[in-house]
């Protein structure tokens, strides 16, 4: 991580803006950074490709979206209707 040029009270609050450390991809990001810290920034793209690919998939959901598009095409090809929307669960709502 880069050292801030100017350290203000907001600097520490902004550290998490450009990371995935508080989300579902935190473990994948840490795996990549652990690997990259061992081999260095230049070689990390090739040596840590598996970790980087896992992190990128988690963050961007490219395979998940491609699967969704394929499923929609198949549904359209078969002429199947969409499932009806289920009724809302009113028992779980607290006023």
Protein backbone atom coordinates (compact mmCIF):
# COMPACT_ATOMS: atom_id res chain seq x y z
CA UNK A 1 0.00 0.00 0.00
CA UNK A 2 1.25 3.47 -0.78
CA UNK A 3 2.08 5.93 1.97
CA UNK A 4 -0.13 9.03 1.90
CA UNK A 5 1.57 12.31 1.01
CA UNK A 6 -0.58 14.29 3.45
CA UNK A 7 -1.86 12.58 6.58
CA UNK A 8 -5.14 14.07 7.74
CA UNK A 9 -7.90 12.76 10.02
CA UNK A 10 -9.72 11.55 6.87
CA UNK A 11 -6.72 9.59 5.57
CA UNK A 12 -7.36 6.55 7.75
CA UNK A 13 -11.09 6.65 7.00
CA UNK A 14 -10.38 6.57 3.25
CA UNK A 15 -8.02 3.57 3.35
CA UNK A 16 -10.85 1.10 2.72
CA UNK A 17 -12.33 2.92 -0.28
CA UNK A 18 -10.23 1.10 -2.86
CA UNK A 19 -10.08 -2.36 -1.32
CA UNK A 20 -12.42 -5.29 -0.90
CA UNK A 21 -11.40 -6.01 2.69
CA UNK A 22 -14.88 -5.54 4.15
CA UNK A 23 -16.77 -7.49 1.51
CA UNK A 24 -17.23 -11.04 0.33
CA UNK A 25 -14.00 -10.92 -1.71
CA UNK A 26 -11.71 -10.12 1.24
CA UNK A 27 -10.19 -13.61 1.41
CA UNK A 28 -9.43 -13.68 -2.32
CA UNK A 29 -7.83 -10.24 -2.16
CA UNK A 30 -5.66 -11.26 0.81
CA UNK A 31 -4.59 -14.47 -0.95
CA UNK A 32 -3.42 -12.45 -3.95
CA UNK A 33 -1.61 -9.87 -1.82
CA UNK A 34 0.12 -12.58 0.23
CA UNK A 35 1.37 -14.19 -2.97
CA UNK A 36 2.33 -10.85 -4.51
CA UNK A 37 4.26 -9.82 -1.40
CA UNK A 38 6.42 -12.96 -1.72
CA UNK A 39 7.34 -12.56 -5.39
CA UNK A 40 7.14 -8.79 -5.95
CA UNK A 41 4.91 -6.54 -8.01
CA UNK A 42 6.47 -7.26 -11.41
CA UNK A 43 6.29 -11.06 -11.24
CA UNK A 44 3.00 -11.20 -9.34
CA UNK A 45 0.90 -10.98 -12.52
CA UNK A 46 2.37 -14.23 -13.84
CA UNK A 47 3.26 -16.17 -10.67
CA UNK A 48 0.06 -15.31 -8.79
CA UNK A 49 -2.28 -15.62 -11.79
CA UNK A 50 -4.55 -18.17 -10.07
CA UNK A 51 -5.08 -15.92 -7.04
CA UNK A 52 -5.58 -12.85 -9.23
CA UNK A 53 -8.13 -14.67 -11.41
CA UNK A 54 -10.05 -15.85 -8.34
CA UNK A 55 -10.12 -12.32 -6.92
CA UNK A 56 -11.17 -10.79 -10.25
CA UNK A 57 -14.01 -13.32 -10.64
CA UNK A 58 -15.27 -12.60 -7.14
CA UNK A 59 -15.14 -8.84 -7.65
CA UNK A 60 -16.57 -8.65 -11.19
CA UNK A 61 -18.77 -11.78 -11.36
CA UNK A 62 -18.00 -12.25 -15.07
CA UNK A 63 -18.59 -16.03 -15.15
CA UNK A 64 -21.78 -15.66 -13.13
CA UNK A 65 -23.15 -13.10 -15.60
CA UNK A 66 -22.15 -15.24 -18.61
CA UNK A 67 -23.98 -18.20 -17.04
CA UNK A 68 -27.06 -15.99 -16.51
CA UNK A 69 -27.02 -14.89 -20.16
CA UNK A 70 -26.73 -18.51 -21.36
CA UNK A 71 -29.64 -19.53 -19.13
CA UNK A 72 -31.80 -16.69 -20.47
CA UNK A 73 -31.02 -17.66 -24.07
CA UNK A 74 -31.94 -21.28 -23.35
CA UNK A 75 -35.19 -20.22 -21.65
CA UNK A 76 -36.07 -18.08 -24.67
CA UNK A 77 -35.15 -20.91 -27.07
CA UNK A 78 -37.39 -23.37 -25.21
CA UNK A 79 -40.20 -20.83 -24.91
CA UNK A 80 -40.54 -21.39 -21.18
CA UNK A 81 -42.33 -18.74 -19.13
CA UNK A 82 -40.76 -17.08 -16.13
CA UNK A 83 -41.70 -18.37 -12.70
CA UNK A 84 -44.31 -16.22 -10.97
CA UNK A 85 -43.05 -13.82 -8.33
CA UNK A 86 -43.64 -15.26 -4.87
CA UNK A 87 -45.85 -13.41 -2.41
CA UNK A 88 -43.99 -11.16 0.03
CA UNK A 89 -43.28 -12.54 3.47
CA UNK A 90 -45.36 -10.27 5.71
CA UNK A 91 -44.79 -12.36 8.84
CA UNK A 92 -41.16 -11.26 9.07
CA UNK A 93 -41.89 -7.52 8.90
CA UNK A 94 -41.71 -5.75 12.23
CA UNK A 95 -43.53 -2.42 12.56
